Amino acid sequence: SWNRTAPTGYKIVRIPVDANGKAGPVQDFAVGWLNGTAVWGRPVDVLVAPDGSLLVSDDEGGRIFRIAYQG
């Protein structure tokens, strides 16, 4: 969170859901915006683009990141 003495968060997490709709444990999905106390970005929202990629807004750096699967 941005307003703590020691910053925390600054990542995107995912929660897997099984075929029965049961949620599994929270897992880190995208990290690296916080390195110790050095902050280079703060992800605040995620949208799914028409091509299936994820668009992540960063209100610390004023950027939009695109995360795409390459298989």
PDB file of N, CA and C in Angstrom:
ATOM      1  N   SER A   1       0.836  -1.175   0.000  1.00  0.00           N
ATOM      2  CA  SER A   1       0.000   0.000   0.000  1.00  0.00           C
ATOM      3  C   SER A   1       0.882   1.241   0.000  1.00  0.00           C
ATOM      4  N   TRP A   2       0.469   2.284  -0.654  1.00  0.00           N
ATOM      5  CA  TRP A   2       1.294   3.476  -0.855  1.00  0.00           C
ATOM      6  C   TRP A   2       1.452   4.323   0.392  1.00  0.00           C
ATOM      7  N   ASN A   3       0.543   4.236   1.356  1.00  0.00           N
ATOM      8  CA  ASN A   3       0.588   5.147   2.492  1.00  0.00           C
ATOM      9  C   ASN A   3       1.102   4.493   3.771  1.00  0.00           C
ATOM     10  N   ARG A   4       1.918   3.490   3.647  1.00  0.00           N
ATOM     11  CA  ARG A   4       2.515   2.844   4.813  1.00  0.00           C
ATOM     12  C   ARG A   4       3.948   3.319   4.971  1.00  0.00           C
ATOM     13  N   THR A   5       4.458   3.230   6.189  1.00  0.00           N
ATOM     14  CA  THR A   5       5.857   3.580   6.419  1.00  0.00           C
ATOM     15  C   THR A   5       6.758   2.655   5.613  1.00  0.00           C
ATOM     16  N   ALA A   6       6.525   1.361   5.700  1.00  0.00           N
ATOM     17  CA  ALA A   6       7.241   0.384   4.871  1.00  0.00           C
ATOM     18  C   ALA A   6       6.296  -0.036   3.750  1.00  0.00           C
ATOM     19  N   PRO A   7       6.629   0.291   2.490  1.00  0.00           N
ATOM     20  CA  PRO A   7       5.724  -0.052   1.384  1.00  0.00           C
ATOM     21  C   PRO A   7       5.486  -1.558   1.292  1.00  0.00           C
ATOM     22  N   THR A   8       4.283  -1.929   0.916  1.00  0.00           N
ATOM     23  CA  THR A   8       3.934  -3.328   0.727  1.00  0.00           C
ATOM     24  C   THR A   8       2.987  -3.447  -0.458  1.00  0.00           C
ATOM     25  N   GLY A   9       2.902  -4.614  -1.028  1.00  0.00           N
ATOM     26  CA  GLY A   9       2.048  -4.816  -2.198  1.00  0.00           C
ATOM     27  C   GLY A   9       2.844  -4.610  -3.470  1.00  0.00           C
ATOM     28  N   TYR A  10       2.409  -3.678  -4.315  1.00  0.00           N
ATOM     29  CA  TYR A  10       3.106  -3.354  -5.557  1.00  0.00           C
ATOM     30  C   TYR A  10       3.291  -4.592  -6.425  1.00  0.00           C
ATOM     31  N   LYS A  11       2.259  -5.405  -6.522  1.00  0.00           N
ATOM     32  CA  LYS A  11       2.312  -6.608  -7.341  1.00  0.00           C
ATOM     33  C   LYS A  11       0.907  -6.969  -7.787  1.00  0.00           C
ATOM     34  N   ILE A  12       0.831  -7.901  -8.719  1.00  0.00           N
ATOM     35  CA  ILE A  12      -0.447  -8.434  -9.179  1.00  0.00           C
ATOM     36  C   ILE A  12      -0.499  -9.885  -8.733  1.00  0.00           C
ATOM     37  N   VAL A  13      -1.611 -10.275  -8.142  1.00  0.00           N
ATOM     38  CA  VAL A  13      -1.779 -11.658  -7.701  1.00  0.00           C
ATOM     39  C   VAL A  13      -2.900 -12.311  -8.493  1.00  0.00           C
ATOM     40  N   ARG A  14      -2.917 -13.632  -8.456  1.00  0.00           N
ATOM     41  CA  ARG A  14      -3.990 -14.395  -9.100  1.00  0.00           C
ATOM     42  C   ARG A  14      -4.532 -15.402  -8.095  1.00  0.00           C
ATOM     43  N   ILE A  15      -5.784 -15.767  -8.293  1.00  0.00           N
ATOM     44  CA  ILE A  15      -6.420 -16.789  -7.461  1.00  0.00           C
ATOM     45  C   ILE A  15      -6.970 -17.852  -8.401  1.00  0.00           C
ATOM     46  N   PRO A  16      -6.326 -19.025  -8.447  1.00  0.00           N
ATOM     47  CA  PRO A  16      -6.829 -20.086  -9.321  1.00  0.00           C
ATOM     48  C   PRO A  16      -8.165 -20.623  -8.806  1.00  0.00           C
ATOM     49  N   VAL A  17      -9.035 -20.979  -9.727  1.00  0.00           N
ATOM     50  CA  VAL A  17     -10.344 -21.538  -9.383  1.00  0.00           C
ATOM     51  C   VAL A  17     -10.481 -22.880 -10.093  1.00  0.00           C
ATOM     52  N   ASP A  18     -10.853 -23.929  -9.350  1.00  0.00           N
ATOM     53  CA  ASP A  18     -10.971 -25.253  -9.967  1.00  0.00           C
ATOM     54  C   ASP A  18     -12.317 -25.400 -10.688  1.00  0.00           C
ATOM     55  N   ALA A  19     -12.536 -26.548 -11.295  1.00  0.00           N
ATOM     56  CA  ALA A  19     -13.742 -26.797 -12.093  1.00  0.00           C
ATOM     57  C   ALA A  19     -15.025 -26.704 -11.263  1.00  0.00           C
ATOM     58  N   ASN A  20     -14.905 -26.885  -9.956  1.00  0.00           N
ATOM     59  CA  ASN A  20     -16.069 -26.799  -9.068  1.00  0.00           C
ATOM     60  C   ASN A  20     -16.297 -25.387  -8.528  1.00  0.00           C
ATOM     61  N   GLY A  21     -15.452 -24.456  -8.932  1.00  0.00           N
ATOM     62  CA  GLY A  21     -15.588 -23.078  -8.475  1.00  0.00           C
ATOM     63  C   GLY A  21     -14.907 -22.780  -7.157  1.00  0.00           C
ATOM     64  N   LYS A  22     -14.121 -23.744  -6.654  1.00  0.00           N
ATOM     65  CA  LYS A  22     -13.424 -23.536  -5.388  1.00  0.00           C
ATOM     66  C   LYS A  22     -12.132 -22.763  -5.631  1.00  0.00           C
ATOM     67  N   ALA A  23     -11.948 -21.695  -4.865  1.00  0.00           N
ATOM     68  CA  ALA A  23     -10.748 -20.868  -5.000  1.00  0.00           C
ATOM     69  C   ALA A  23      -9.568 -21.528  -4.310  1.00  0.00           C
ATOM     70  N   GLY A  24      -8.422 -21.433  -4.948  1.00  0.00           N
ATOM     71  CA  GLY A  24      -7.185 -21.932  -4.372  1.00  0.00           C
ATOM     72  C   GLY A  24      -6.443 -20.811  -3.673  1.00  0.00           C
ATOM     73  N   PRO A  25      -5.186 -21.052  -3.310  1.00  0.00           N
ATOM     74  CA  PRO A  25      -4.411 -20.032  -2.602  1.00  0.00           C
ATOM     75  C   PRO A  25      -4.004 -18.882  -3.535  1.00  0.00           C
ATOM     76  N   VAL A  26      -3.843 -17.719  -2.954  1.00  0.00           N
ATOM     77  CA  VAL A  26      -3.382 -16.548  -3.702  1.00  0.00           C
ATOM     78  C   VAL A  26      -1.950 -16.789  -4.163  1.00  0.00           C
ATOM     79  N   GLN A  27      -1.665 -16.466  -5.427  1.00  0.00           N
ATOM     80  CA  GLN A  27      -0.332 -16.656  -6.008  1.00  0.00           C
ATOM     81  C   GLN A  27       0.141 -15.351  -6.638  1.00  0.00           C
ATOM     82  N   ASP A  28       1.429 -15.037  -6.467  1.00  0.00           N
ATOM     83  CA  ASP A  28       1.999 -13.889  -7.165  1.00  0.00           C
ATOM     84  C   ASP A  28       1.958 -14.146  -8.661  1.00  0.00           C
ATOM     85  N   PHE A  29       1.554 -13.142  -9.435  1.00  0.00           N
ATOM     86  CA  PHE A  29       1.500 -13.247 -10.890  1.00  0.00           C
ATOM     87  C   PHE A  29       2.532 -12.332 -11.545  1.00  0.00           C
ATOM     88  N   ALA A  30       2.608 -11.093 -11.122  1.00  0.00           N
ATOM     89  CA  ALA A  30       3.583 -10.141 -11.666  1.00  0.00           C
ATOM     90  C   ALA A  30       4.128  -9.314 -10.508  1.00  0.00           C
ATOM     91  N   VAL A  31       5.433  -9.348 -10.345  1.00  0.00           N
ATOM     92  CA  VAL A  31       6.092  -8.639  -9.250  1.00  0.00           C
ATOM     93  C   VAL A  31       7.236  -7.796  -9.809  1.00  0.00           C
ATOM     94  N   GLY A  32       7.864  -7.018  -8.959  1.00  0.00           N
ATOM     95  CA  GLY A  32       9.043  -6.263  -9.364  1.00  0.00           C
ATOM     96  C   GLY A  32       8.876  -4.756  -9.300  1.00  0.00           C
ATOM     97  N   TRP A  33       7.671  -4.283  -8.998  1.00  0.00           N
ATOM     98  CA  TRP A  33       7.477  -2.838  -8.895  1.00  0.00           C
ATOM     99  C   TRP A  33       8.086  -2.277  -7.617  1.00  0.00           C
ATOM    100  N   LEU A  34       8.360  -3.140  -6.659  1.00  0.00           N
ATOM    101  CA  LEU A  34       8.953  -2.744  -5.387  1.00  0.00           C
ATOM    102  C   LEU A  34      10.195  -3.591  -5.161  1.00  0.00           C
ATOM    103  N   ASN A  35      11.335  -2.909  -4.940  1.00  0.00           N
ATOM    104  CA  ASN A  35      12.597  -3.597  -4.687  1.00  0.00           C
ATOM    105  C   ASN A  35      13.154  -3.042  -3.382  1.00  0.00           C
ATOM    106  N   GLY A  36      12.894  -3.741  -2.282  1.00  0.00           N
ATOM    107  CA  GLY A  36      13.258  -3.203  -0.971  1.00  0.00           C
ATOM    108  C   GLY A  36      12.362  -2.015  -0.674  1.00  0.00           C
ATOM    109  N   THR A  37      12.963  -0.832  -0.578  1.00  0.00           N
ATOM    110  CA  THR A  37      12.172   0.388  -0.403  1.00  0.00           C
ATOM    111  C   THR A  37      12.124   1.214  -1.683  1.00  0.00           C
ATOM    112  N   ALA A  38      12.781   0.751  -2.742  1.00  0.00           N
ATOM    113  CA  ALA A  38      12.774   1.466  -4.025  1.00  0.00           C
ATOM    114  C   ALA A  38      11.528   1.084  -4.818  1.00  0.00           C
ATOM    115  N   VAL A  39      10.737   2.080  -5.173  1.00  0.00           N
ATOM    116  CA  VAL A  39       9.498   1.870  -5.921  1.00  0.00           C
ATOM    117  C   VAL A  39       9.681   2.421  -7.324  1.00  0.00           C
ATOM    118  N   TRP A  40       9.435   1.608  -8.357  1.00  0.00           N
ATOM    119  CA  TRP A  40       9.518   2.122  -9.728  1.00  0.00           C
ATOM    120  C   TRP A  40       8.177   2.078 -10.438  1.00  0.00           C
ATOM    121  N   GLY A  41       7.151   1.654  -9.735  1.00  0.00           N
ATOM    122  CA  GLY A  41       5.816   1.636 -10.314  1.00  0.00           C
ATOM    123  C   GLY A  41       4.816   1.136  -9.295  1.00  0.00           C
ATOM    124  N   ARG A  42       3.515   1.374  -9.587  1.00  0.00           N
ATOM    125  CA  ARG A  42       2.473   0.897  -8.681  1.00  0.00           C
ATOM    126  C   ARG A  42       1.277   0.464  -9.512  1.00  0.00           C
ATOM    127  N   PRO A  43       1.117  -0.853  -9.713  1.00  0.00           N
ATOM    128  CA  PRO A  43      -0.025  -1.331 -10.493  1.00  0.00           C
ATOM    129  C   PRO A  43      -1.323  -1.078  -9.732  1.00  0.00           C
ATOM    130  N   VAL A  44      -2.304  -0.494 -10.432  1.00  0.00           N
ATOM    131  CA  VAL A  44      -3.555  -0.155  -9.749  1.00  0.00           C
ATOM    132  C   VAL A  44      -4.791  -0.755 -10.399  1.00  0.00           C
ATOM    133  N   ASP A  45      -4.708  -1.175 -11.659  1.00  0.00           N
ATOM    134  CA  ASP A  45      -5.883  -1.758 -12.311  1.00  0.00           C
ATOM    135  C   ASP A  45      -5.430  -2.678 -13.430  1.00  0.00           C
ATOM    136  N   VAL A  46      -6.227  -3.692 -13.708  1.00  0.00           N
ATOM    137  CA  VAL A  46      -5.936  -4.654 -14.772  1.00  0.00           C
ATOM    138  C   VAL A  46      -7.187  -4.818 -15.619  1.00  0.00           C
ATOM    139  N   LEU A  47      -7.016  -4.750 -16.929  1.00  0.00           N
ATOM    140  CA  LEU A  47      -8.105  -5.003 -17.873  1.00  0.00           C
ATOM    141  C   LEU A  47      -7.659  -6.069 -18.855  1.00  0.00           C
ATOM    142  N   VAL A  48      -8.604  -6.865 -19.342  1.00  0.00           N
ATOM    143  CA  VAL A  48      -8.308  -7.853 -20.374  1.00  0.00           C
ATOM    144  C   VAL A  48      -8.596  -7.209 -21.726  1.00  0.00           C
ATOM    145  N   ALA A  49      -7.585  -7.179 -22.594  1.00  0.00           N
ATOM    146  CA  ALA A  49      -7.724  -6.609 -23.934  1.00  0.00           C
ATOM    147  C   ALA A  49      -8.423  -7.618 -24.848  1.00  0.00           C
ATOM    148  N   PRO A  50      -8.947  -7.162 -25.991  1.00  0.00           N
ATOM    149  CA  PRO A  50      -9.627  -8.071 -26.919  1.00  0.00           C
ATOM    150  C   PRO A  50      -8.772  -9.261 -27.362  1.00  0.00           C
ATOM    151  N   ASP A  51      -7.440  -9.092 -27.399  1.00  0.00           N
ATOM    152  CA  ASP A  51      -6.564 -10.195 -27.817  1.00  0.00           C
ATOM    153  C   ASP A  51      -6.211 -11.134 -26.668  1.00  0.00           C
ATOM    154  N   GLY A  52      -6.755 -10.889 -25.461  1.00  0.00           N
ATOM    155  CA  GLY A  52      -6.497 -11.749 -24.315  1.00  0.00           C
ATOM    156  C   GLY A  52      -5.335 -11.295 -23.453  1.00  0.00           C
ATOM    157  N   SER A  53      -4.579 -10.307 -23.898  1.00  0.00           N
ATOM    158  CA  SER A  53      -3.484  -9.806 -23.075  1.00  0.00           C
ATOM    159  C   SER A  53      -4.048  -8.987 -21.917  1.00  0.00           C
ATOM    160  N   LEU A  54      -3.216  -8.751 -20.917  1.00  0.00           N
ATOM    161  CA  LEU A  54      -3.618  -7.955 -19.764  1.00  0.00           C
ATOM    162  C   LEU A  54      -2.999  -6.572 -19.868  1.00  0.00           C
ATOM    163  N   LEU A  55      -3.790  -5.554 -19.630  1.00  0.00           N
ATOM    164  CA  LEU A  55      -3.305  -4.181 -19.592  1.00  0.00           C
ATOM    165  C   LEU A  55      -3.281  -3.748 -18.135  1.00  0.00           C
ATOM    166  N   VAL A  56      -2.117  -3.310 -17.670  1.00  0.00           N
ATOM    167  CA  VAL A  56      -1.926  -2.948 -16.270  1.00  0.00           C
ATOM    168  C   VAL A  56      -1.600  -1.463 -16.190  1.00  0.00           C
ATOM    169  N   SER A  57      -2.419  -0.701 -15.478  1.00  0.00           N
ATOM    170  CA  SER A  57      -2.128   0.725 -15.309  1.00  0.00           C
ATOM    171  C   SER A  57      -1.216   0.925 -14.100  1.00  0.00           C
ATOM    172  N   ASP A  58      -0.302   1.873 -14.241  1.00  0.00           N
ATOM    173  CA  ASP A  58       0.700   2.187 -13.225  1.00  0.00           C
ATOM    174  C   ASP A  58       0.559   3.662 -12.888  1.00  0.00           C
ATOM    175  N   ASP A  59       0.026   3.983 -11.704  1.00  0.00           N
ATOM    176  CA  ASP A  59      -0.161   5.397 -11.388  1.00  0.00           C
ATOM    177  C   ASP A  59       1.068   6.047 -10.765  1.00  0.00           C
ATOM    178  N   GLU A  60       2.101   5.285 -10.497  1.00  0.00           N
ATOM    179  CA  GLU A  60       3.369   5.855 -10.032  1.00  0.00           C
ATOM    180  C   GLU A  60       4.161   6.402 -11.220  1.00  0.00           C
ATOM    181  N   GLY A  61       4.240   5.624 -12.286  1.00  0.00           N
ATOM    182  CA  GLY A  61       5.023   6.013 -13.457  1.00  0.00           C
ATOM    183  C   GLY A  61       4.192   6.555 -14.603  1.00  0.00           C
ATOM    184  N   GLY A  62       2.854   6.524 -14.477  1.00  0.00           N
ATOM    185  CA  GLY A  62       1.994   7.022 -15.547  1.00  0.00           C
ATOM    186  C   GLY A  62       2.078   6.180 -16.807  1.00  0.00           C
ATOM    187  N   ARG A  63       2.213   4.872 -16.641  1.00  0.00           N
ATOM    188  CA  ARG A  63       2.369   3.969 -17.780  1.00  0.00           C
ATOM    189  C   ARG A  63       1.258   2.937 -17.818  1.00  0.00           C
ATOM    190  N   ILE A  64       1.147   2.287 -18.967  1.00  0.00           N
ATOM    191  CA  ILE A  64       0.289   1.116 -19.120  1.00  0.00           C
ATOM    192  C   ILE A  64       1.174  -0.003 -19.643  1.00  0.00           C
ATOM    193  N   PHE A  65       1.213  -1.106 -18.910  1.00  0.00           N
ATOM    194  CA  PHE A  65       1.987  -2.275 -19.311  1.00  0.00           C
ATOM    195  C   PHE A  65       1.053  -3.279 -19.970  1.00  0.00           C
ATOM    196  N   ARG A  66       1.570  -3.987 -20.947  1.00  0.00           N
ATOM    197  CA  ARG A  66       0.817  -5.054 -21.609  1.00  0.00           C
ATOM    198  C   ARG A  66       1.517  -6.367 -21.303  1.00  0.00           C
ATOM    199  N   ILE A  67       0.779  -7.322 -20.747  1.00  0.00           N
ATOM    200  CA  ILE A  67       1.304  -8.653 -20.445  1.00  0.00           C
ATOM    201  C   ILE A  67       0.597  -9.623 -21.377  1.00  0.00           C
ATOM    202  N   ALA A  68       1.386 -10.336 -22.191  1.00  0.00           N
ATOM    203  CA  ALA A  68       0.800 -11.238 -23.186  1.00  0.00           C
ATOM    204  C   ALA A  68       1.443 -12.615 -23.083  1.00  0.00           C
ATOM    205  N   TYR A  69       0.650 -13.631 -23.373  1.00  0.00           N
ATOM    206  CA  TYR A  69       1.133 -15.011 -23.411  1.00  0.00           C
ATOM    207  C   TYR A  69       1.796 -15.271 -24.758  1.00  0.00           C
ATOM    208  N   GLN A  70       2.967 -15.891 -24.721  1.00  0.00           N
ATOM    209  CA  GLN A  70       3.618 -16.335 -25.954  1.00  0.00           C
ATOM    210  C   GLN A  70       3.873 -17.822 -25.817  1.00  0.00           C
ATOM    211  N   GLY A  71       3.241 -18.598 -26.672  1.00  0.00           N
ATOM    212  CA  GLY A  71       3.376 -20.051 -26.554  1.00  0.00           C
ATOM    213  C   GLY A  71       3.954 -20.681 -27.769  1.00  0.00           C
TER     214      GLY A  71
END
